[in-house]
Amino acid sequence: MKKETYDRLMKFRDDRDWSQFHTGENLAKSIMIEAGELLEVFQWTNQEKSIDKVKEELADVLSYCYLMADHYHLDVDEILNKKLDQNEAKYPADKVRGSSKKYNEYKK
């Protein structure tokens, strides 16, 4: 996320004094609620009904994710890269390319 966008999100929160409500639990709940709304876009079909609705709901999910990272003083780039390192080790490209099997279902 660009610093300008991050700062704007935090200002939006702070201007409304909403950080007092942003506990880890509340933010996790909000992420799940918004993820459910994103999933609803695909309900009863395997095609999105509207890319604009996908963008809107995805933005809500991402906003809460960044707010949670801020709440716990986490560096999003750092935690994402650490997880990518773990996944690269768990799912070596030469072993899993083109497969959707879980890491413990393929031969290492």
Protein backbone atom coordinates (compact mmCIF):
# COMPACT_ATOMS: atom_id res chain seq x y z
CA MET A 1 0.00 0.00 0.00
CA LYS A 2 1.29 3.44 -0.82
CA LYS A 3 2.14 5.56 2.20
CA GLU A 4 -0.30 8.22 1.02
CA THR A 5 -3.16 5.70 0.97
CA TYR A 6 -2.14 4.24 4.34
CA ASP A 7 -2.01 7.72 5.89
CA ARG A 8 -5.43 8.52 4.42
CA LEU A 9 -6.93 5.35 5.93
CA MET A 10 -5.48 6.16 9.35
CA LYS A 11 -6.68 9.77 9.13
CA PHE A 12 -10.17 8.56 8.20
CA ARG A 13 -10.15 6.36 11.33
CA ASP A 14 -8.61 9.00 13.59
CA ASP A 15 -10.86 11.86 12.42
CA ARG A 16 -13.83 9.78 13.61
CA ASP A 17 -12.14 8.57 16.83
CA TRP A 18 -12.86 4.97 15.80
CA SER A 19 -9.57 3.43 16.95
CA GLN A 20 -11.15 3.00 20.39
CA PHE A 21 -13.38 0.33 18.83
CA HIS A 22 -10.58 -1.36 16.89
CA THR A 23 -9.66 -4.23 19.15
CA GLY A 24 -8.06 -7.28 17.58
CA GLU A 25 -11.31 -9.19 18.06
CA ASN A 26 -13.48 -6.48 16.50
CA LEU A 27 -11.14 -6.08 13.55
CA ALA A 28 -11.02 -9.85 12.97
CA LYS A 29 -14.82 -9.95 13.05
CA SER A 30 -14.99 -7.07 10.60
CA ILE A 31 -12.57 -8.79 8.22
CA MET A 32 -14.76 -11.90 8.24
CA ILE A 33 -17.98 -9.94 7.78
CA GLU A 34 -16.55 -8.05 4.82
CA ALA A 35 -15.05 -11.25 3.38
CA GLY A 36 -18.55 -12.74 3.56
CA GLU A 37 -19.90 -9.77 1.63
CA LEU A 38 -17.18 -10.31 -0.99
CA LEU A 39 -18.14 -13.98 -1.22
CA GLU A 40 -21.77 -12.99 -1.61
CA VAL A 41 -20.87 -11.35 -4.93
CA PHE A 42 -20.27 -14.87 -6.25
CA GLN A 43 -23.30 -16.51 -4.61
CA TRP A 44 -25.32 -18.78 -6.91
CA THR A 45 -22.87 -18.32 -9.75
CA ASN A 46 -19.22 -18.90 -10.48
CA GLN A 47 -18.89 -15.54 -12.20
CA GLU A 48 -18.78 -12.17 -10.53
CA LYS A 49 -21.92 -10.15 -10.99
CA SER A 50 -20.11 -6.85 -11.00
CA ILE A 51 -16.42 -6.04 -10.92
CA ASP A 52 -17.36 -2.77 -9.23
CA LYS A 53 -18.94 -4.71 -6.34
CA VAL A 54 -15.85 -6.94 -6.15
CA LYS A 55 -13.67 -3.82 -5.89
CA GLU A 56 -15.90 -2.28 -3.22
CA GLU A 57 -15.98 -5.38 -1.00
CA LEU A 58 -12.29 -6.18 -1.51
CA ALA A 59 -11.44 -2.61 -0.47
CA ASP A 60 -13.42 -3.15 2.74
CA VAL A 61 -11.54 -6.39 3.49
CA LEU A 62 -8.17 -4.77 2.79
CA SER A 63 -9.01 -1.71 4.89
CA TYR A 64 -9.74 -3.85 7.94
CA CYS A 65 -6.62 -5.94 7.32
CA TYR A 66 -4.46 -2.82 7.30
CA LEU A 67 -6.23 -1.49 10.37
CA MET A 68 -5.50 -4.77 12.16
CA ALA A 69 -1.85 -4.65 11.14
CA ASP A 70 -1.67 -1.10 12.48
CA HIS A 71 -3.37 -2.14 15.74
CA TYR A 72 -0.68 -4.76 16.36
CA HIS A 73 2.15 -2.56 14.99
CA LEU A 74 2.88 -5.07 12.23
CA ASP A 75 4.80 -4.33 9.05
CA VAL A 76 2.59 -5.72 6.27
CA ASP A 77 5.50 -6.18 3.85
CA GLU A 78 7.49 -8.02 6.51
CA ILE A 79 4.74 -10.44 7.54
CA LEU A 80 3.67 -11.08 3.94
CA ASN A 81 7.24 -11.80 2.85
CA LYS A 82 7.77 -14.11 5.83
CA LYS A 83 4.63 -16.04 4.86
CA LEU A 84 5.77 -16.20 1.22
CA ASP A 85 9.09 -17.64 2.40
CA GLN A 86 7.22 -20.31 4.36
CA ASN A 87 4.92 -21.10 1.43
CA GLU A 88 7.82 -21.31 -1.03
CA ALA A 89 9.42 -23.92 1.22
CA LYS A 90 6.13 -25.76 1.70
CA TYR A 91 5.14 -25.65 -1.97
CA PRO A 92 8.26 -25.92 -4.17
CA ALA A 93 7.30 -24.82 -7.68
CA ASP A 94 8.97 -27.78 -9.35
CA LYS A 95 6.85 -30.19 -7.25
CA VAL A 96 3.45 -28.51 -7.19
CA ARG A 97 3.19 -26.60 -10.45
CA GLY A 98 -0.36 -26.92 -11.79
CA SER A 99 -1.62 -28.84 -8.74
CA SER A 100 -4.10 -27.63 -6.13
CA LYS A 101 -3.16 -30.34 -3.64
CA LYS A 102 -2.31 -29.35 -0.10
CA TYR A 103 1.37 -29.44 0.87
CA ASN A 104 1.01 -32.75 2.69
CA GLU A 105 -0.69 -34.46 -0.29
CA TYR A 106 2.14 -34.29 -2.81
CA LYS A 107 5.40 -36.21 -2.86
CA LYS A 108 8.37 -34.18 -1.68
